[in-house]
């Protein structure tokens, strides 16, 4: 049985997800959580750019 890299539980199948430039094998629940965190981080970064009036690219 494969083991999730995040929660360390045995699962039926794992998904390969890129986290901070590295591939990790995560269960579906952990993969969803990582995706949500990435979306929130991107939205907050965009909000900071808007507040600072930054018009260029990062």
PDB file of N, CA and C in Angstrom:
ATOM      1  N   UNK A   1       0.832  -1.186   0.000  1.00  0.00           N
ATOM      2  CA  UNK A   1       0.000   0.000   0.000  1.00  0.00           C
ATOM      3  C   UNK A   1       0.878   1.251   0.000  1.00  0.00           C
ATOM      4  N   UNK A   2       0.567   2.206  -0.869  1.00  0.00           N
ATOM      5  CA  UNK A   2       1.315   3.468  -0.871  1.00  0.00           C
ATOM      6  C   UNK A   2       1.005   4.289   0.388  1.00  0.00           C
ATOM      7  N   UNK A   3       1.951   5.121   0.765  1.00  0.00           N
ATOM      8  CA  UNK A   3       1.805   5.961   1.950  1.00  0.00           C
ATOM      9  C   UNK A   3       1.852   7.424   1.520  1.00  0.00           C
ATOM     10  N   UNK A   4       0.942   8.221   2.066  1.00  0.00           N
ATOM     11  CA  UNK A   4       0.905   9.655   1.785  1.00  0.00           C
ATOM     12  C   UNK A   4       2.103  10.325   2.448  1.00  0.00           C
ATOM     13  N   UNK A   5       2.767  11.223   1.727  1.00  0.00           N
ATOM     14  CA  UNK A   5       3.946  11.906   2.255  1.00  0.00           C
ATOM     15  C   UNK A   5       3.587  12.937   3.315  1.00  0.00           C
ATOM     16  N   UNK A   6       2.342  13.391   3.329  1.00  0.00           N
ATOM     17  CA  UNK A   6       1.943  14.428   4.273  1.00  0.00           C
ATOM     18  C   UNK A   6       1.366  13.849   5.561  1.00  0.00           C
ATOM     19  N   UNK A   7       0.348  12.998   5.441  1.00  0.00           N
ATOM     20  CA  UNK A   7      -0.328  12.487   6.639  1.00  0.00           C
ATOM     21  C   UNK A   7       0.201  11.126   7.087  1.00  0.00           C
ATOM     22  N   UNK A   8       1.068  10.519   6.288  1.00  0.00           N
ATOM     23  CA  UNK A   8       1.721   9.241   6.615  1.00  0.00           C
ATOM     24  C   UNK A   8       0.739   8.075   6.776  1.00  0.00           C
ATOM     25  N   UNK A   9      -0.428   8.175   6.147  1.00  0.00           N
ATOM     26  CA  UNK A   9      -1.408   7.094   6.206  1.00  0.00           C
ATOM     27  C   UNK A   9      -1.335   6.268   4.928  1.00  0.00           C
ATOM     28  N   UNK A  10      -1.647   4.988   5.051  1.00  0.00           N
ATOM     29  CA  UNK A  10      -1.709   4.123   3.882  1.00  0.00           C
ATOM     30  C   UNK A  10      -2.997   4.407   3.118  1.00  0.00           C
ATOM     31  N   UNK A  11      -2.876   4.563   1.809  1.00  0.00           N
ATOM     32  CA  UNK A  11      -4.028   4.873   0.966  1.00  0.00           C
ATOM     33  C   UNK A  11      -4.033   3.940  -0.240  1.00  0.00           C
ATOM     34  N   UNK A  12      -5.168   3.891  -0.926  1.00  0.00           N
ATOM     35  CA  UNK A  12      -5.286   3.043  -2.101  1.00  0.00           C
ATOM     36  C   UNK A  12      -4.432   3.557  -3.259  1.00  0.00           C
ATOM     37  N   UNK A  13      -4.473   4.874  -3.465  1.00  0.00           N
ATOM     38  CA  UNK A  13      -3.656   5.460  -4.522  1.00  0.00           C
ATOM     39  C   UNK A  13      -3.189   6.843  -4.100  1.00  0.00           C
ATOM     40  N   UNK A  14      -2.073   7.254  -4.652  1.00  0.00           N
ATOM     41  CA  UNK A  14      -1.516   8.566  -4.345  1.00  0.00           C
ATOM     42  C   UNK A  14      -1.464   9.401  -5.613  1.00  0.00           C
ATOM     43  N   UNK A  15      -1.507  10.703  -5.438  1.00  0.00           N
ATOM     44  CA  UNK A  15      -1.407  11.645  -6.540  1.00  0.00           C
ATOM     45  C   UNK A  15      -0.064  12.362  -6.437  1.00  0.00           C
ATOM     46  N   UNK A  16       0.571  12.602  -7.552  1.00  0.00           N
ATOM     47  CA  UNK A  16       1.818  13.347  -7.555  1.00  0.00           C
ATOM     48  C   UNK A  16       1.481  14.818  -7.743  1.00  0.00           C
ATOM     49  N   UNK A  17       1.845  15.624  -6.737  1.00  0.00           N
ATOM     50  CA  UNK A  17       1.526  17.045  -6.739  1.00  0.00           C
ATOM     51  C   UNK A  17       2.821  17.824  -6.559  1.00  0.00           C
ATOM     52  N   UNK A  18       2.971  18.908  -7.315  1.00  0.00           N
ATOM     53  CA  UNK A  18       4.158  19.744  -7.191  1.00  0.00           C
ATOM     54  C   UNK A  18       3.930  20.746  -6.063  1.00  0.00           C
ATOM     55  N   UNK A  19       4.789  20.675  -5.035  1.00  0.00           N
ATOM     56  CA  UNK A  19       4.689  21.547  -3.876  1.00  0.00           C
ATOM     57  C   UNK A  19       6.012  22.291  -3.735  1.00  0.00           C
ATOM     58  N   UNK A  20       5.962  23.621  -3.912  1.00  0.00           N
ATOM     59  CA  UNK A  20       7.154  24.463  -3.804  1.00  0.00           C
ATOM     60  C   UNK A  20       8.300  23.942  -4.675  1.00  0.00           C
ATOM     61  N   UNK A  21       7.972  23.542  -5.889  1.00  0.00           N
ATOM     62  CA  UNK A  21       8.988  23.100  -6.835  1.00  0.00           C
ATOM     63  C   UNK A  21       9.404  21.648  -6.706  1.00  0.00           C
ATOM     64  N   UNK A  22       8.834  20.918  -5.770  1.00  0.00           N
ATOM     65  CA  UNK A  22       9.188  19.508  -5.587  1.00  0.00           C
ATOM     66  C   UNK A  22       7.934  18.654  -5.742  1.00  0.00           C
ATOM     67  N   UNK A  23       8.096  17.478  -6.302  1.00  0.00           N
ATOM     68  CA  UNK A  23       6.974  16.560  -6.451  1.00  0.00           C
ATOM     69  C   UNK A  23       6.800  15.747  -5.178  1.00  0.00           C
ATOM     70  N   UNK A  24       5.550  15.671  -4.707  1.00  0.00           N
ATOM     71  CA  UNK A  24       5.234  14.865  -3.537  1.00  0.00           C
ATOM     72  C   UNK A  24       4.077  13.946  -3.881  1.00  0.00           C
ATOM     73  N   UNK A  25       4.086  12.768  -3.305  1.00  0.00           N
ATOM     74  CA  UNK A  25       2.999  11.818  -3.503  1.00  0.00           C
ATOM     75  C   UNK A  25       2.062  11.927  -2.315  1.00  0.00           C
ATOM     76  N   UNK A  26       0.850  12.462  -2.588  1.00  0.00           N
ATOM     77  CA  UNK A  26      -0.114  12.748  -1.534  1.00  0.00           C
ATOM     78  C   UNK A  26      -1.431  12.036  -1.802  1.00  0.00           C
ATOM     79  N   UNK A  27      -2.185  11.795  -0.726  1.00  0.00           N
ATOM     80  CA  UNK A  27      -3.535  11.252  -0.881  1.00  0.00           C
ATOM     81  C   UNK A  27      -4.439  12.363  -1.417  1.00  0.00           C
ATOM     82  N   UNK A  28      -5.639  12.025  -1.808  1.00  0.00           N
ATOM     83  CA  UNK A  28      -6.540  13.007  -2.408  1.00  0.00           C
ATOM     84  C   UNK A  28      -6.854  14.155  -1.458  1.00  0.00           C
ATOM     85  N   UNK A  29      -7.085  13.858  -0.180  1.00  0.00           N
ATOM     86  CA  UNK A  29      -7.422  14.895   0.791  1.00  0.00           C
ATOM     87  C   UNK A  29      -6.276  15.885   0.971  1.00  0.00           C
ATOM     88  N   UNK A  30      -5.072  15.371   1.122  1.00  0.00           N
ATOM     89  CA  UNK A  30      -3.900  16.239   1.290  1.00  0.00           C
ATOM     90  C   UNK A  30      -3.624  17.022   0.014  1.00  0.00           C
ATOM     91  N   UNK A  31      -3.825  16.413  -1.144  1.00  0.00           N
ATOM     92  CA  UNK A  31      -3.614  17.098  -2.417  1.00  0.00           C
ATOM     93  C   UNK A  31      -4.595  18.264  -2.558  1.00  0.00           C
ATOM     94  N   UNK A  32      -5.847  18.053  -2.173  1.00  0.00           N
ATOM     95  CA  UNK A  32      -6.836  19.131  -2.223  1.00  0.00           C
ATOM     96  C   UNK A  32      -6.437  20.268  -1.287  1.00  0.00           C
ATOM     97  N   UNK A  33      -5.972  19.922  -0.098  1.00  0.00           N
ATOM     98  CA  UNK A  33      -5.551  20.923   0.873  1.00  0.00           C
ATOM     99  C   UNK A  33      -4.381  21.742   0.344  1.00  0.00           C
ATOM    100  N   UNK A  34      -3.415  21.092  -0.281  1.00  0.00           N
ATOM    101  CA  UNK A  34      -2.252  21.787  -0.840  1.00  0.00           C
ATOM    102  C   UNK A  34      -2.686  22.720  -1.969  1.00  0.00           C
ATOM    103  N   UNK A  35      -3.602  22.267  -2.797  1.00  0.00           N
ATOM    104  CA  UNK A  35      -4.096  23.117  -3.892  1.00  0.00           C
ATOM    105  C   UNK A  35      -4.806  24.348  -3.352  1.00  0.00           C
ATOM    106  N   UNK A  36      -5.637  24.163  -2.314  1.00  0.00           N
ATOM    107  CA  UNK A  36      -6.342  25.293  -1.709  1.00  0.00           C
ATOM    108  C   UNK A  36      -5.353  26.289  -1.114  1.00  0.00           C
ATOM    109  N   UNK A  37      -4.331  25.792  -0.423  1.00  0.00           N
ATOM    110  CA  UNK A  37      -3.329  26.679   0.162  1.00  0.00           C
ATOM    111  C   UNK A  37      -2.595  27.464  -0.919  1.00  0.00           C
ATOM    112  N   UNK A  38      -2.305  26.820  -2.040  1.00  0.00           N
ATOM    113  CA  UNK A  38      -1.623  27.498  -3.144  1.00  0.00           C
ATOM    114  C   UNK A  38      -2.508  28.593  -3.741  1.00  0.00           C
ATOM    115  N   UNK A  39      -3.806  28.323  -3.874  1.00  0.00           N
ATOM    116  CA  UNK A  39      -4.728  29.326  -4.401  1.00  0.00           C
ATOM    117  C   UNK A  39      -4.827  30.521  -3.460  1.00  0.00           C
ATOM    118  N   UNK A  40      -4.878  30.262  -2.159  1.00  0.00           N
ATOM    119  CA  UNK A  40      -4.959  31.340  -1.176  1.00  0.00           C
ATOM    120  C   UNK A  40      -3.682  32.175  -1.201  1.00  0.00           C
ATOM    121  N   UNK A  41      -2.527  31.524  -1.286  1.00  0.00           N
ATOM    122  CA  UNK A  41      -1.258  32.243  -1.331  1.00  0.00           C
ATOM    123  C   UNK A  41      -1.174  33.118  -2.580  1.00  0.00           C
ATOM    124  N   UNK A  42      -1.633  32.597  -3.699  1.00  0.00           N
ATOM    125  CA  UNK A  42      -1.599  33.364  -4.939  1.00  0.00           C
ATOM    126  C   UNK A  42      -2.529  34.572  -4.854  1.00  0.00           C
ATOM    127  N   UNK A  43      -3.723  34.376  -4.275  1.00  0.00           N
ATOM    128  CA  UNK A  43      -4.677  35.475  -4.144  1.00  0.00           C
ATOM    129  C   UNK A  43      -4.138  36.557  -3.212  1.00  0.00           C
ATOM    130  N   UNK A  44      -3.510  36.148  -2.119  1.00  0.00           N
ATOM    131  CA  UNK A  44      -2.986  37.147  -1.188  1.00  0.00           C
ATOM    132  C   UNK A  44      -1.814  37.902  -1.808  1.00  0.00           C
ATOM    133  N   UNK A  45      -0.986  37.218  -2.569  1.00  0.00           N
ATOM    134  CA  UNK A  45       0.120  37.884  -3.254  1.00  0.00           C
ATOM    135  C   UNK A  45      -0.411  38.902  -4.256  1.00  0.00           C
ATOM    136  N   UNK A  46      -1.466  38.533  -4.953  1.00  0.00           N
ATOM    137  CA  UNK A  46      -2.082  39.440  -5.923  1.00  0.00           C
ATOM    138  C   UNK A  46      -2.658  40.661  -5.218  1.00  0.00           C
ATOM    139  N   UNK A  47      -3.262  40.474  -4.045  1.00  0.00           N
ATOM    140  CA  UNK A  47      -3.828  41.587  -3.288  1.00  0.00           C
ATOM    141  C   UNK A  47      -2.727  42.551  -2.836  1.00  0.00           C
ATOM    142  N   UNK A  48      -1.603  42.020  -2.413  1.00  0.00           N
ATOM    143  CA  UNK A  48      -0.481  42.865  -2.002  1.00  0.00           C
ATOM    144  C   UNK A  48       0.041  43.659  -3.192  1.00  0.00           C
ATOM    145  N   UNK A  49       0.138  43.018  -4.339  1.00  0.00           N
ATOM    146  CA  UNK A  49       0.586  43.730  -5.546  1.00  0.00           C
ATOM    147  C   UNK A  49      -0.355  44.890  -5.864  1.00  0.00           C
ATOM    148  N   UNK A  50      -1.664  44.630  -5.765  1.00  0.00           N
ATOM    149  CA  UNK A  50      -2.641  45.675  -6.059  1.00  0.00           C
ATOM    150  C   UNK A  50      -2.524  46.830  -5.068  1.00  0.00           C
ATOM    151  N   UNK A  51      -2.338  46.530  -3.789  1.00  0.00           N
ATOM    152  CA  UNK A  51      -2.223  47.579  -2.780  1.00  0.00           C
ATOM    153  C   UNK A  51      -0.993  48.446  -3.015  1.00  0.00           C
ATOM    154  N   UNK A  52       0.080  47.829  -3.465  1.00  0.00           N
ATOM    155  CA  UNK A  52       1.326  48.564  -3.692  1.00  0.00           C
ATOM    156  C   UNK A  52       1.325  49.288  -5.036  1.00  0.00           C
ATOM    157  N   UNK A  53       0.350  48.980  -5.878  1.00  0.00           N
ATOM    158  CA  UNK A  53       0.267  49.632  -7.182  1.00  0.00           C
ATOM    159  C   UNK A  53       1.286  49.067  -8.161  1.00  0.00           C
ATOM    160  N   UNK A  54       1.728  47.846  -7.957  1.00  0.00           N
ATOM    161  CA  UNK A  54       2.720  47.243  -8.839  1.00  0.00           C
ATOM    162  C   UNK A  54       2.074  46.864 -10.152  1.00  0.00           C
ATOM    163  N   UNK A  55       2.611  47.328 -11.251  1.00  0.00           N
ATOM    164  CA  UNK A  55       2.017  47.075 -12.562  1.00  0.00           C
ATOM    165  C   UNK A  55       2.824  46.072 -13.385  1.00  0.00           C
ATOM    166  N   UNK A  56       4.037  45.770 -12.995  1.00  0.00           N
ATOM    167  CA  UNK A  56       4.891  44.874 -13.774  1.00  0.00           C
ATOM    168  C   UNK A  56       4.685  43.424 -13.420  1.00  0.00           C
ATOM    169  N   UNK A  57       5.614  42.611 -13.853  1.00  0.00           N
ATOM    170  CA  UNK A  57       5.570  41.181 -13.573  1.00  0.00           C
ATOM    171  C   UNK A  57       6.575  40.862 -12.492  1.00  0.00           C
ATOM    172  N   UNK A  58       6.338  39.795 -11.789  1.00  0.00           N
ATOM    173  CA  UNK A  58       7.293  39.340 -10.761  1.00  0.00           C
ATOM    174  C   UNK A  58       8.347  38.521 -11.378  1.00  0.00           C
TER     175      UNK A  58
END
